[in-house]
Amino acid sequence: QVQLVESGGGLVQAGGALRLSCAASGRSFVGYAMGWFRQAPGKGREFVAAIGWSGTSTNYADSVKGRFTISRDNNKNTVDLQMNSLKPEDTAVYLCAARWGQEYTRASMYNYWGQGTQVTVSS
């Protein structure tokens, strides 16, 4: 069983940066694709970024491309999301997700989820 815990959220001014981390436990997540999703109040779960099991394949939502970077360290069982040039519209609960095999952009393809960490960007 894979358990995921996010950390690193907080309050930041527009233009600032945050680094989120997702720690996996229970068993090694080698072979699992990892994704970051976000959910703002009144909105559905939105894809942010995903990374394949080896770390060589990544996908980004157009809204964050060039600003966010996803990375993973399979030795530490962690996945990070570096968020730069943050905008108020980035405000949301950010959730880490995992699935066996190839990375996808659809939330329904992931079957392991963390509880989320709040990111608030003020103008």
PDB file of N, CA and C in Angstrom:
ATOM      1  N   GLN A   1       0.850  -1.187   0.000  1.00  0.00           N
ATOM      2  CA  GLN A   1       0.000   0.000   0.000  1.00  0.00           C
ATOM      3  C   GLN A   1       0.886   1.238   0.000  1.00  0.00           C
ATOM      4  N   VAL A   2       0.495   2.242  -0.776  1.00  0.00           N
ATOM      5  CA  VAL A   2       1.229   3.491  -0.873  1.00  0.00           C
ATOM      6  C   VAL A   2       0.458   4.571  -0.124  1.00  0.00           C
ATOM      7  N   GLN A   3       1.150   5.263   0.761  1.00  0.00           N
ATOM      8  CA  GLN A   3       0.574   6.385   1.492  1.00  0.00           C
ATOM      9  C   GLN A   3       1.336   7.647   1.120  1.00  0.00           C
ATOM     10  N   LEU A   4       0.609   8.734   0.914  1.00  0.00           N
ATOM     11  CA  LEU A   4       1.194   9.982   0.454  1.00  0.00           C
ATOM     12  C   LEU A   4       0.876  11.112   1.426  1.00  0.00           C
ATOM     13  N   VAL A   5       1.878  11.931   1.717  1.00  0.00           N
ATOM     14  CA  VAL A   5       1.711  13.072   2.603  1.00  0.00           C
ATOM     15  C   VAL A   5       2.369  14.284   1.973  1.00  0.00           C
ATOM     16  N   GLU A   6       1.589  15.355   1.772  1.00  0.00           N
ATOM     17  CA  GLU A   6       2.100  16.585   1.191  1.00  0.00           C
ATOM     18  C   GLU A   6       2.532  17.558   2.286  1.00  0.00           C
ATOM     19  N   SER A   7       3.471  18.418   1.940  1.00  0.00           N
ATOM     20  CA  SER A   7       3.906  19.475   2.837  1.00  0.00           C
ATOM     21  C   SER A   7       4.455  20.630   2.013  1.00  0.00           C
ATOM     22  N   GLY A   8       4.644  21.776   2.649  1.00  0.00           N
ATOM     23  CA  GLY A   8       5.263  22.918   2.001  1.00  0.00           C
ATOM     24  C   GLY A   8       4.323  24.027   1.597  1.00  0.00           C
ATOM     25  N   GLY A   9       3.026  23.837   1.771  1.00  0.00           N
ATOM     26  CA  GLY A   9       2.083  24.881   1.429  1.00  0.00           C
ATOM     27  C   GLY A   9       2.172  26.051   2.390  1.00  0.00           C
ATOM     28  N   GLY A  10       1.531  27.140   2.018  1.00  0.00           N
ATOM     29  CA  GLY A  10       1.537  28.322   2.861  1.00  0.00           C
ATOM     30  C   GLY A  10       0.988  29.522   2.144  1.00  0.00           C
ATOM     31  N   LEU A  11       1.223  30.677   2.742  1.00  0.00           N
ATOM     32  CA  LEU A  11       0.765  31.953   2.200  1.00  0.00           C
ATOM     33  C   LEU A  11       1.948  32.685   1.587  1.00  0.00           C
ATOM     34  N   VAL A  12       1.765  33.159   0.370  1.00  0.00           N
ATOM     35  CA  VAL A  12       2.827  33.859  -0.328  1.00  0.00           C
ATOM     36  C   VAL A  12       2.222  34.967  -1.178  1.00  0.00           C
ATOM     37  N   GLN A  13       2.971  36.027  -1.378  1.00  0.00           N
ATOM     38  CA  GLN A  13       2.516  37.111  -2.236  1.00  0.00           C
ATOM     39  C   GLN A  13       2.701  36.752  -3.704  1.00  0.00           C
ATOM     40  N   ALA A  14       1.891  37.368  -4.546  1.00  0.00           N
ATOM     41  CA  ALA A  14       2.025  37.163  -5.986  1.00  0.00           C
ATOM     42  C   ALA A  14       3.455  37.445  -6.425  1.00  0.00           C
ATOM     43  N   GLY A  15       3.963  36.572  -7.277  1.00  0.00           N
ATOM     44  CA  GLY A  15       5.334  36.679  -7.730  1.00  0.00           C
ATOM     45  C   GLY A  15       6.316  35.886  -6.902  1.00  0.00           C
ATOM     46  N   GLY A  16       5.863  35.384  -5.770  1.00  0.00           N
ATOM     47  CA  GLY A  16       6.716  34.602  -4.897  1.00  0.00           C
ATOM     48  C   GLY A  16       6.813  33.152  -5.323  1.00  0.00           C
ATOM     49  N   ALA A  17       7.433  32.356  -4.466  1.00  0.00           N
ATOM     50  CA  ALA A  17       7.676  30.955  -4.782  1.00  0.00           C
ATOM     51  C   ALA A  17       7.439  30.068  -3.570  1.00  0.00           C
ATOM     52  N   LEU A  18       7.050  28.838  -3.832  1.00  0.00           N
ATOM     53  CA  LEU A  18       6.911  27.806  -2.824  1.00  0.00           C
ATOM     54  C   LEU A  18       7.401  26.495  -3.407  1.00  0.00           C
ATOM     55  N   ARG A  19       7.843  25.610  -2.533  1.00  0.00           N
ATOM     56  CA  ARG A  19       8.236  24.276  -2.950  1.00  0.00           C
ATOM     57  C   ARG A  19       7.428  23.267  -2.146  1.00  0.00           C
ATOM     58  N   LEU A  20       6.606  22.505  -2.839  1.00  0.00           N
ATOM     59  CA  LEU A  20       5.812  21.465  -2.212  1.00  0.00           C
ATOM     60  C   LEU A  20       6.550  20.143  -2.283  1.00  0.00           C
ATOM     61  N   SER A  21       6.327  19.320  -1.288  1.00  0.00           N
ATOM     62  CA  SER A  21       6.938  18.006  -1.264  1.00  0.00           C
ATOM     63  C   SER A  21       5.884  16.959  -0.954  1.00  0.00           C
ATOM     64  N   CYS A  22       6.004  15.821  -1.584  1.00  0.00           N
ATOM     65  CA  CYS A  22       5.126  14.682  -1.348  1.00  0.00           C
ATOM     66  C   CYS A  22       5.996  13.501  -0.955  1.00  0.00           C
ATOM     67  N   ALA A  23       5.751  12.974   0.221  1.00  0.00           N
ATOM     68  CA  ALA A  23       6.506  11.835   0.717  1.00  0.00           C
ATOM     69  C   ALA A  23       5.645  10.582   0.651  1.00  0.00           C
ATOM     70  N   ALA A  24       6.179   9.552   0.043  1.00  0.00           N
ATOM     71  CA  ALA A  24       5.480   8.279  -0.070  1.00  0.00           C
ATOM     72  C   ALA A  24       6.029   7.296   0.950  1.00  0.00           C
ATOM     73  N   SER A  25       5.141   6.539   1.540  1.00  0.00           N
ATOM     74  CA  SER A  25       5.546   5.535   2.514  1.00  0.00           C
ATOM     75  C   SER A  25       4.685   4.289   2.358  1.00  0.00           C
ATOM     76  N   GLY A  26       5.021   3.287   3.117  1.00  0.00           N
ATOM     77  CA  GLY A  26       4.304   2.025   3.039  1.00  0.00           C
ATOM     78  C   GLY A  26       5.069   1.000   2.223  1.00  0.00           C
ATOM     79  N   ARG A  27       5.524   1.405   1.082  1.00  0.00           N
ATOM     80  CA  ARG A  27       6.392   0.609   0.234  1.00  0.00           C
ATOM     81  C   ARG A  27       7.036   1.525  -0.789  1.00  0.00           C
ATOM     82  N   SER A  28       8.048   1.054  -1.442  1.00  0.00           N
ATOM     83  CA  SER A  28       8.726   1.843  -2.457  1.00  0.00           C
ATOM     84  C   SER A  28       7.765   2.220  -3.576  1.00  0.00           C
ATOM     85  N   PHE A  29       7.875   3.469  -4.060  1.00  0.00           N
ATOM     86  CA  PHE A  29       7.027   3.872  -5.176  1.00  0.00           C
ATOM     87  C   PHE A  29       7.741   3.747  -6.511  1.00  0.00           C
ATOM     88  N   VAL A  30       8.806   2.997  -6.551  1.00  0.00           N
ATOM     89  CA  VAL A  30       9.440   2.675  -7.818  1.00  0.00           C
ATOM     90  C   VAL A  30       8.423   1.983  -8.715  1.00  0.00           C
ATOM     91  N   GLY A  31       8.285   2.481  -9.935  1.00  0.00           N
ATOM     92  CA  GLY A  31       7.315   1.950 -10.870  1.00  0.00           C
ATOM     93  C   GLY A  31       6.007   2.717 -10.900  1.00  0.00           C
ATOM     94  N   TYR A  32       5.837   3.670  -9.980  1.00  0.00           N
ATOM     95  CA  TYR A  32       4.624   4.479  -9.912  1.00  0.00           C
ATOM     96  C   TYR A  32       4.838   5.828 -10.582  1.00  0.00           C
ATOM     97  N   ALA A  33       3.859   6.241 -11.371  1.00  0.00           N
ATOM     98  CA  ALA A  33       3.817   7.608 -11.853  1.00  0.00           C
ATOM     99  C   ALA A  33       3.220   8.495 -10.762  1.00  0.00           C
ATOM    100  N   MET A  34       3.659   9.738 -10.701  1.00  0.00           N
ATOM    101  CA  MET A  34       3.203  10.663  -9.675  1.00  0.00           C
ATOM    102  C   MET A  34       2.630  11.909 -10.324  1.00  0.00           C
ATOM    103  N   GLY A  35       1.613  12.468  -9.700  1.00  0.00           N
ATOM    104  CA  GLY A  35       1.000  13.670 -10.219  1.00  0.00           C
ATOM    105  C   GLY A  35       0.678  14.664  -9.126  1.00  0.00           C
ATOM    106  N   TRP A  36       0.603  15.917  -9.518  1.00  0.00           N
ATOM    107  CA  TRP A  36       0.124  16.979  -8.651  1.00  0.00           C
ATOM    108  C   TRP A  36      -1.161  17.538  -9.246  1.00  0.00           C
ATOM    109  N   PHE A  37      -2.162  17.673  -8.415  1.00  0.00           N
ATOM    110  CA  PHE A  37      -3.440  18.249  -8.795  1.00  0.00           C
ATOM    111  C   PHE A  37      -3.790  19.341  -7.803  1.00  0.00           C
ATOM    112  N   ARG A  38      -4.708  20.196  -8.179  1.00  0.00           N
ATOM    113  CA  ARG A  38      -5.144  21.241  -7.264  1.00  0.00           C
ATOM    114  C   ARG A  38      -6.646  21.433  -7.378  1.00  0.00           C
ATOM    115  N   GLN A  39      -7.219  21.894  -6.287  1.00  0.00           N
ATOM    116  CA  GLN A  39      -8.647  22.130  -6.248  1.00  0.00           C
ATOM    117  C   GLN A  39      -8.925  23.428  -5.507  1.00  0.00           C
ATOM    118  N   ALA A  40      -9.487  24.385  -6.221  1.00  0.00           N
ATOM    119  CA  ALA A  40      -9.867  25.662  -5.644  1.00  0.00           C
ATOM    120  C   ALA A  40     -11.316  25.591  -5.192  1.00  0.00           C
ATOM    121  N   PRO A  41     -11.713  26.454  -4.256  1.00  0.00           N
ATOM    122  CA  PRO A  41     -13.097  26.451  -3.789  1.00  0.00           C
ATOM    123  C   PRO A  41     -14.091  26.606  -4.934  1.00  0.00           C
ATOM    124  N   GLY A  42     -15.071  25.728  -4.979  1.00  0.00           N
ATOM    125  CA  GLY A  42     -16.094  25.789  -5.999  1.00  0.00           C
ATOM    126  C   GLY A  42     -15.689  25.239  -7.349  1.00  0.00           C
ATOM    127  N   LYS A  43     -14.489  24.680  -7.445  1.00  0.00           N
ATOM    128  CA  LYS A  43     -14.017  24.149  -8.715  1.00  0.00           C
ATOM    129  C   LYS A  43     -13.633  22.680  -8.574  1.00  0.00           C
ATOM    130  N   GLY A  44     -13.538  22.014  -9.708  1.00  0.00           N
ATOM    131  CA  GLY A  44     -13.149  20.626  -9.720  1.00  0.00           C
ATOM    132  C   GLY A  44     -11.648  20.451  -9.572  1.00  0.00           C
ATOM    133  N   ARG A  45     -11.240  19.213  -9.486  1.00  0.00           N
ATOM    134  CA  ARG A  45      -9.832  18.896  -9.345  1.00  0.00           C
ATOM    135  C   ARG A  45      -9.120  19.108 -10.684  1.00  0.00           C
ATOM    136  N   GLU A  46      -8.083  19.921 -10.669  1.00  0.00           N
ATOM    137  CA  GLU A  46      -7.383  20.342 -11.874  1.00  0.00           C
ATOM    138  C   GLU A  46      -5.984  19.742 -11.930  1.00  0.00           C
ATOM    139  N   PHE A  47      -5.624  19.234 -13.081  1.00  0.00           N
ATOM    140  CA  PHE A  47      -4.275  18.715 -13.290  1.00  0.00           C
ATOM    141  C   PHE A  47      -3.260  19.837 -13.255  1.00  0.00           C
ATOM    142  N   VAL A  48      -2.132  19.589 -12.608  1.00  0.00           N
ATOM    143  CA  VAL A  48      -1.044  20.557 -12.535  1.00  0.00           C
ATOM    144  C   VAL A  48       0.208  20.020 -13.223  1.00  0.00           C
ATOM    145  N   ALA A  49       0.683  18.865 -12.777  1.00  0.00           N
ATOM    146  CA  ALA A  49       1.911  18.299 -13.328  1.00  0.00           C
ATOM    147  C   ALA A  49       1.971  16.817 -13.014  1.00  0.00           C
ATOM    148  N   ALA A  50       2.701  16.072 -13.835  1.00  0.00           N
ATOM    149  CA  ALA A  50       2.887  14.646 -13.603  1.00  0.00           C
ATOM    150  C   ALA A  50       4.284  14.246 -14.032  1.00  0.00           C
ATOM    151  N   ILE A  51       4.761  13.152 -13.460  1.00  0.00           N
ATOM    152  CA  ILE A  51       6.095  12.663 -13.764  1.00  0.00           C
ATOM    153  C   ILE A  51       6.081  11.151 -13.782  1.00  0.00           C
ATOM    154  N   GLY A  52       6.757  10.575 -14.770  1.00  0.00           N
ATOM    155  CA  GLY A  52       6.826   9.131 -14.892  1.00  0.00           C
ATOM    156  C   GLY A  52       7.702   8.505 -13.828  1.00  0.00           C
ATOM    157  N   TRP A  53       7.666   7.192 -13.775  1.00  0.00           N
ATOM    158  CA  TRP A  53       8.372   6.480 -12.703  1.00  0.00           C
ATOM    159  C   TRP A  53       9.870   6.721 -12.699  1.00  0.00           C
ATOM    160  N   SER A  54      10.466   6.916 -13.873  1.00  0.00           N
ATOM    161  CA  SER A  54      11.913   7.114 -13.968  1.00  0.00           C
ATOM    162  C   SER A  54      12.320   8.572 -13.786  1.00  0.00           C
ATOM    163  N   GLY A  55      11.359   9.495 -13.866  1.00  0.00           N
ATOM    164  CA  GLY A  55      11.656  10.905 -13.765  1.00  0.00           C
ATOM    165  C   GLY A  55      12.038  11.559 -15.071  1.00  0.00           C
ATOM    166  N   THR A  56      12.070  10.796 -16.156  1.00  0.00           N
ATOM    167  CA  THR A  56      12.480  11.332 -17.446  1.00  0.00           C
ATOM    168  C   THR A  56      11.322  11.886 -18.261  1.00  0.00           C
ATOM    169  N   SER A  57      10.106  11.530 -17.920  1.00  0.00           N
ATOM    170  CA  SER A  57       8.928  11.992 -18.635  1.00  0.00           C
ATOM    171  C   SER A  57       8.091  12.874 -17.720  1.00  0.00           C
ATOM    172  N   THR A  58       7.782  14.086 -18.170  1.00  0.00           N
ATOM    173  CA  THR A  58       6.973  15.012 -17.386  1.00  0.00           C
ATOM    174  C   THR A  58       5.881  15.628 -18.238  1.00  0.00           C
ATOM    175  N   ASN A  59       4.809  16.034 -17.584  1.00  0.00           N
ATOM    176  CA  ASN A  59       3.712  16.735 -18.230  1.00  0.00           C
ATOM    177  C   ASN A  59       3.281  17.892 -17.346  1.00  0.00           C
ATOM    178  N   TYR A  60       2.894  18.996 -17.973  1.00  0.00           N
ATOM    179  CA  TYR A  60       2.462  20.171 -17.238  1.00  0.00           C
ATOM    180  C   TYR A  60       1.185  20.739 -17.843  1.00  0.00           C
ATOM    181  N   ALA A  61       0.336  21.258 -16.982  1.00  0.00           N
ATOM    182  CA  ALA A  61      -0.796  22.026 -17.461  1.00  0.00           C
ATOM    183  C   ALA A  61      -0.290  23.307 -18.108  1.00  0.00           C
ATOM    184  N   ASP A  62      -0.995  23.756 -19.134  1.00  0.00           N
ATOM    185  CA  ASP A  62      -0.579  24.977 -19.816  1.00  0.00           C
ATOM    186  C   ASP A  62      -0.516  26.176 -18.866  1.00  0.00           C
ATOM    187  N   SER A  63      -1.371  26.184 -17.874  1.00  0.00           N
ATOM    188  CA  SER A  63      -1.447  27.310 -16.963  1.00  0.00           C
ATOM    189  C   SER A  63      -0.220  27.445 -16.063  1.00  0.00           C
ATOM    190  N   VAL A  64       0.559  26.377 -15.916  1.00  0.00           N
ATOM    191  CA  VAL A  64       1.717  26.416 -15.040  1.00  0.00           C
ATOM    192  C   VAL A  64       3.025  26.180 -15.771  1.00  0.00           C
ATOM    193  N   LYS A  65       2.964  25.836 -17.033  1.00  0.00           N
ATOM    194  CA  LYS A  65       4.165  25.540 -17.800  1.00  0.00           C
ATOM    195  C   LYS A  65       5.104  26.747 -17.812  1.00  0.00           C
ATOM    196  N   GLY A  66       6.356  26.494 -17.531  1.00  0.00           N
ATOM    197  CA  GLY A  66       7.339  27.555 -17.465  1.00  0.00           C
ATOM    198  C   GLY A  66       7.483  28.171 -16.093  1.00  0.00           C
ATOM    199  N   ARG A  67       6.534  27.889 -15.198  1.00  0.00           N
ATOM    200  CA  ARG A  67       6.580  28.429 -13.846  1.00  0.00           C
ATOM    201  C   ARG A  67       6.795  27.338 -12.795  1.00  0.00           C
ATOM    202  N   PHE A  68       6.203  26.166 -13.022  1.00  0.00           N
ATOM    203  CA  PHE A  68       6.291  25.063 -12.080  1.00  0.00           C
ATOM    204  C   PHE A  68       7.210  23.977 -12.627  1.00  0.00           C
ATOM    205  N   THR A  69       7.882  23.279 -11.726  1.00  0.00           N
ATOM    206  CA  THR A  69       8.736  22.168 -12.096  1.00  0.00           C
ATOM    207  C   THR A  69       8.497  20.995 -11.164  1.00  0.00           C
ATOM    208  N   ILE A  70       8.207  19.835 -11.735  1.00  0.00           N
ATOM    209  CA  ILE A  70       8.013  18.635 -10.950  1.00  0.00           C
ATOM    210  C   ILE A  70       9.281  17.786 -11.021  1.00  0.00           C
ATOM    211  N   SER A  71       9.630  17.172  -9.915  1.00  0.00           N
ATOM    212  CA  SER A  71      10.802  16.312  -9.863  1.00  0.00           C
ATOM    213  C   SER A  71      10.568  15.198  -8.854  1.00  0.00           C
ATOM    214  N   ARG A  72      11.374  14.154  -8.937  1.00  0.00           N
ATOM    215  CA  ARG A  72      11.226  13.053  -7.989  1.00  0.00           C
ATOM    216  C   ARG A  72      12.581  12.480  -7.637  1.00  0.00           C
ATOM    217  N   ASP A  73      12.638  11.896  -6.463  1.00  0.00           N
ATOM    218  CA  ASP A  73      13.827  11.216  -5.986  1.00  0.00           C
ATOM    219  C   ASP A  73      13.374   9.846  -5.510  1.00  0.00           C
ATOM    220  N   ASN A  74      13.590   8.844  -6.325  1.00  0.00           N
ATOM    221  CA  ASN A  74      13.108   7.512  -5.995  1.00  0.00           C
ATOM    222  C   ASN A  74      13.848   6.890  -4.816  1.00  0.00           C
ATOM    223  N   ASN A  75      15.069   7.348  -4.559  1.00  0.00           N
ATOM    224  CA  ASN A  75      15.810   6.848  -3.408  1.00  0.00           C
ATOM    225  C   ASN A  75      15.203   7.335  -2.099  1.00  0.00           C
ATOM    226  N   LYS A  76      14.632   8.529  -2.118  1.00  0.00           N
ATOM    227  CA  LYS A  76      14.006   9.104  -0.937  1.00  0.00           C
ATOM    228  C   LYS A  76      12.492   8.931  -0.921  1.00  0.00           C
ATOM    229  N   ASN A  77      11.938   8.425  -2.009  1.00  0.00           N
ATOM    230  CA  ASN A  77      10.484   8.285  -2.138  1.00  0.00           C
ATOM    231  C   ASN A  77       9.778   9.627  -1.978  1.00  0.00           C
ATOM    232  N   THR A  78      10.292  10.638  -2.662  1.00  0.00           N
ATOM    233  CA  THR A  78       9.693  11.963  -2.604  1.00  0.00           C
ATOM    234  C   THR A  78       9.463  12.517  -3.999  1.00  0.00           C
ATOM    235  N   VAL A  79       8.447  13.352  -4.118  1.00  0.00           N
ATOM    236  CA  VAL A  79       8.143  14.089  -5.329  1.00  0.00           C
ATOM    237  C   VAL A  79       7.936  15.544  -4.940  1.00  0.00           C
ATOM    238  N   ASP A  80       8.604  16.441  -5.634  1.00  0.00           N
ATOM    239  CA  ASP A  80       8.522  17.857  -5.326  1.00  0.00           C
ATOM    240  C   ASP A  80       7.854  18.631  -6.450  1.00  0.00           C
ATOM    241  N   LEU A  81       7.301  19.763  -6.084  1.00  0.00           N
ATOM    242  CA  LEU A  81       6.745  20.699  -7.060  1.00  0.00           C
ATOM    243  C   LEU A  81       7.270  22.077  -6.711  1.00  0.00           C
ATOM    244  N   GLN A  82       8.199  22.567  -7.520  1.00  0.00           N
ATOM    245  CA  GLN A  82       8.723  23.910  -7.345  1.00  0.00           C
ATOM    246  C   GLN A  82       7.803  24.870  -8.078  1.00  0.00           C
ATOM    247  N   MET A  83       7.247  25.831  -7.368  1.00  0.00           N
ATOM    248  CA  MET A  83       6.291  26.772  -7.926  1.00  0.00           C
ATOM    249  C   MET A  83       6.881  28.170  -7.862  1.00  0.00           C
ATOM    250  N   ASN A  84       7.145  28.746  -9.013  1.00  0.00           N
ATOM    251  CA  ASN A  84       7.697  30.089  -9.115  1.00  0.00           C
ATOM    252  C   ASN A  84       6.680  31.027  -9.749  1.00  0.00           C
ATOM    253  N   SER A  85       6.911  32.315  -9.578  1.00  0.00           N
ATOM    254  CA  SER A  85       6.049  33.340 -10.172  1.00  0.00           C
ATOM    255  C   SER A  85       4.585  33.065  -9.887  1.00  0.00           C
ATOM    256  N   LEU A  86       4.281  32.816  -8.642  1.00  0.00           N
ATOM    257  CA  LEU A  86       2.929  32.441  -8.254  1.00  0.00           C
ATOM    258  C   LEU A  86       1.938  33.574  -8.495  1.00  0.00           C
ATOM    259  N   LYS A  87       0.734  33.178  -8.871  1.00  0.00           N
ATOM    260  CA  LYS A  87      -0.348  34.099  -9.153  1.00  0.00           C
ATOM    261  C   LYS A  87      -1.517  33.817  -8.222  1.00  0.00           C
ATOM    262  N   PRO A  88      -2.368  34.812  -7.973  1.00  0.00           N
ATOM    263  CA  PRO A  88      -3.535  34.558  -7.118  1.00  0.00           C
ATOM    264  C   PRO A  88      -4.385  33.389  -7.602  1.00  0.00           C
ATOM    265  N   GLU A  89      -4.466  33.178  -8.906  1.00  0.00           N
ATOM    266  CA  GLU A  89      -5.254  32.076  -9.432  1.00  0.00           C
ATOM    267  C   GLU A  89      -4.639  30.709  -9.162  1.00  0.00           C
ATOM    268  N   ASP A  90      -3.417  30.680  -8.631  1.00  0.00           N
ATOM    269  CA  ASP A  90      -2.808  29.421  -8.215  1.00  0.00           C
ATOM    270  C   ASP A  90      -3.301  28.974  -6.845  1.00  0.00           C
ATOM    271  N   THR A  91      -4.046  29.825  -6.168  1.00  0.00           N
ATOM    272  CA  THR A  91      -4.558  29.499  -4.846  1.00  0.00           C
ATOM    273  C   THR A  91      -5.458  28.269  -4.908  1.00  0.00           C
ATOM    274  N   ALA A  92      -5.134  27.263  -4.110  1.00  0.00           N
ATOM    275  CA  ALA A  92      -5.885  26.011  -4.113  1.00  0.00           C
ATOM    276  C   ALA A  92      -5.282  25.070  -3.084  1.00  0.00           C
ATOM    277  N   VAL A  93      -5.986  23.985  -2.843  1.00  0.00           N
ATOM    278  CA  VAL A  93      -5.411  22.863  -2.126  1.00  0.00           C
ATOM    279  C   VAL A  93      -4.685  21.999  -3.148  1.00  0.00           C
ATOM    280  N   TYR A  94      -3.419  21.739  -2.906  1.00  0.00           N
ATOM    281  CA  TYR A  94      -2.614  20.940  -3.813  1.00  0.00           C
ATOM    282  C   TYR A  94      -2.498  19.521  -3.281  1.00  0.00           C
ATOM    283  N   LEU A  95      -2.791  18.563  -4.146  1.00  0.00           N
ATOM    284  CA  LEU A  95      -2.799  17.167  -3.762  1.00  0.00           C
ATOM    285  C   LEU A  95      -1.812  16.364  -4.583  1.00  0.00           C
ATOM    286  N   CYS A  96      -1.149  15.465  -3.921  1.00  0.00           N
ATOM    287  CA  CYS A  96      -0.236  14.536  -4.551  1.00  0.00           C
ATOM    288  C   CYS A  96      -0.974  13.237  -4.835  1.00  0.00           C
ATOM    289  N   ALA A  97      -0.692  12.638  -5.989  1.00  0.00           N
ATOM    290  CA  ALA A  97      -1.359  11.405  -6.377  1.00  0.00           C
ATOM    291  C   ALA A  97      -0.365  10.434  -6.995  1.00  0.00           C
ATOM    292  N   ALA A  98      -0.702   9.157  -6.954  1.00  0.00           N
ATOM    293  CA  ALA A  98       0.162   8.122  -7.508  1.00  0.00           C
ATOM    294  C   ALA A  98      -0.666   7.047  -8.190  1.00  0.00           C
ATOM    295  N   ARG A  99      -0.070   6.430  -9.188  1.00  0.00           N
ATOM    296  CA  ARG A  99      -0.669   5.296  -9.855  1.00  0.00           C
ATOM    297  C   ARG A  99       0.426   4.390 -10.378  1.00  0.00           C
ATOM    298  N   TRP A 100       0.141   3.133 -10.511  1.00  0.00           N
ATOM    299  CA  TRP A 100       1.108   2.209 -11.090  1.00  0.00           C
ATOM    300  C   TRP A 100       1.201   2.433 -12.592  1.00  0.00           C
ATOM    301  N   GLY A 101       2.421   2.555 -13.079  1.00  0.00           N
ATOM    302  CA  GLY A 101       2.639   2.638 -14.510  1.00  0.00           C
ATOM    303  C   GLY A 101       2.780   4.055 -15.030  1.00  0.00           C
ATOM    304  N   GLN A 102       2.287   4.268 -16.240  1.00  0.00           N
ATOM    305  CA  GLN A 102       2.471   5.510 -16.974  1.00  0.00           C
ATOM    306  C   GLN A 102       1.745   6.687 -16.347  1.00  0.00           C
ATOM    307  N   GLU A 103       2.333   7.871 -16.470  1.00  0.00           N
ATOM    308  CA  GLU A 103       1.696   9.070 -15.962  1.00  0.00           C
ATOM    309  C   GLU A 103       0.534   9.487 -16.864  1.00  0.00           C
ATOM    310  N   TYR A 104      -0.492  10.052 -16.249  1.00  0.00           N
ATOM    311  CA  TYR A 104      -1.658  10.572 -16.948  1.00  0.00           C
ATOM    312  C   TYR A 104      -1.989  11.947 -16.396  1.00  0.00           C
ATOM    313  N   THR A 105      -2.832  12.667 -17.121  1.00  0.00           N
ATOM    314  CA  THR A 105      -3.270  13.987 -16.689  1.00  0.00           C
ATOM    315  C   THR A 105      -4.668  13.967 -16.078  1.00  0.00           C
ATOM    316  N   ARG A 106      -5.356  12.847 -16.157  1.00  0.00           N
ATOM    317  CA  ARG A 106      -6.704  12.741 -15.605  1.00  0.00           C
ATOM    318  C   ARG A 106      -6.659  12.254 -14.167  1.00  0.00           C
ATOM    319  N   ALA A 107      -7.341  12.954 -13.304  1.00  0.00           N
ATOM    320  CA  ALA A 107      -7.352  12.593 -11.892  1.00  0.00           C
ATOM    321  C   ALA A 107      -7.920  11.201 -11.666  1.00  0.00           C
ATOM    322  N   SER A 108      -8.869  10.800 -12.507  1.00  0.00           N
ATOM    323  CA  SER A 108      -9.515   9.508 -12.335  1.00  0.00           C
ATOM    324  C   SER A 108      -8.577   8.335 -12.569  1.00  0.00           C
ATOM    325  N   MET A 109      -7.427   8.576 -13.164  1.00  0.00           N
ATOM    326  CA  MET A 109      -6.464   7.517 -13.424  1.00  0.00           C
ATOM    327  C   MET A 109      -5.564   7.223 -12.230  1.00  0.00           C
ATOM    328  N   TYR A 110      -5.632   8.043 -11.209  1.00  0.00           N
ATOM    329  CA  TYR A 110      -4.800   7.870 -10.021  1.00  0.00           C
ATOM    330  C   TYR A 110      -5.621   7.282  -8.886  1.00  0.00           C
ATOM    331  N   ASN A 111      -5.052   6.332  -8.201  1.00  0.00           N
ATOM    332  CA  ASN A 111      -5.798   5.647  -7.154  1.00  0.00           C
ATOM    333  C   ASN A 111      -5.224   5.823  -5.754  1.00  0.00           C
ATOM    334  N   TYR A 112      -4.117   6.534  -5.621  1.00  0.00           N
ATOM    335  CA  TYR A 112      -3.567   6.874  -4.318  1.00  0.00           C
ATOM    336  C   TYR A 112      -3.479   8.386  -4.211  1.00  0.00           C
ATOM    337  N   TRP A 113      -3.963   8.926  -3.100  1.00  0.00           N
ATOM    338  CA  TRP A 113      -4.023  10.374  -2.916  1.00  0.00           C
ATOM    339  C   TRP A 113      -3.597  10.781  -1.520  1.00  0.00           C
ATOM    340  N   GLY A 114      -2.908  11.925  -1.450  1.00  0.00           N
ATOM    341  CA  GLY A 114      -2.636  12.534  -0.169  1.00  0.00           C
ATOM    342  C   GLY A 114      -3.809  13.386   0.273  1.00  0.00           C
ATOM    343  N   GLN A 115      -3.685  14.002   1.436  1.00  0.00           N
ATOM    344  CA  GLN A 115      -4.754  14.822   1.989  1.00  0.00           C
ATOM    345  C   GLN A 115      -4.730  16.256   1.476  1.00  0.00           C
ATOM    346  N   GLY A 116      -3.615  16.688   0.920  1.00  0.00           N
ATOM    347  CA  GLY A 116      -3.512  18.014   0.351  1.00  0.00           C
ATOM    348  C   GLY A 116      -2.835  19.010   1.265  1.00  0.00           C
ATOM    349  N   THR A 117      -2.293  20.054   0.656  1.00  0.00           N
ATOM    350  CA  THR A 117      -1.687  21.158   1.385  1.00  0.00           C
ATOM    351  C   THR A 117      -2.154  22.467   0.758  1.00  0.00           C
ATOM    352  N   GLN A 118      -2.513  23.423   1.600  1.00  0.00           N
ATOM    353  CA  GLN A 118      -3.097  24.674   1.127  1.00  0.00           C
ATOM    354  C   GLN A 118      -2.025  25.623   0.628  1.00  0.00           C
ATOM    355  N   VAL A 119      -2.248  26.167  -0.556  1.00  0.00           N
ATOM    356  CA  VAL A 119      -1.412  27.221  -1.114  1.00  0.00           C
ATOM    357  C   VAL A 119      -2.294  28.441  -1.335  1.00  0.00           C
ATOM    358  N   THR A 120      -1.918  29.550  -0.731  1.00  0.00           N
ATOM    359  CA  THR A 120      -2.670  30.788  -0.874  1.00  0.00           C
ATOM    360  C   THR A 120      -1.742  31.874  -1.394  1.00  0.00           C
ATOM    361  N   VAL A 121      -2.124  32.480  -2.501  1.00  0.00           N
ATOM    362  CA  VAL A 121      -1.327  33.527  -3.125  1.00  0.00           C
ATOM    363  C   VAL A 121      -2.118  34.821  -3.068  1.00  0.00           C
ATOM    364  N   SER A 122      -1.585  35.803  -2.386  1.00  0.00           N
ATOM    365  CA  SER A 122      -2.249  37.090  -2.243  1.00  0.00           C
ATOM    366  C   SER A 122      -1.782  38.052  -3.322  1.00  0.00           C
ATOM    367  N   SER A 123      -2.649  38.976  -3.685  1.00  0.00           N
ATOM    368  CA  SER A 123      -2.315  39.953  -4.710  1.00  0.00           C
ATOM    369  C   SER A 123      -1.603  41.153  -4.113  1.00  0.00           C
TER     370      SER A 123
END
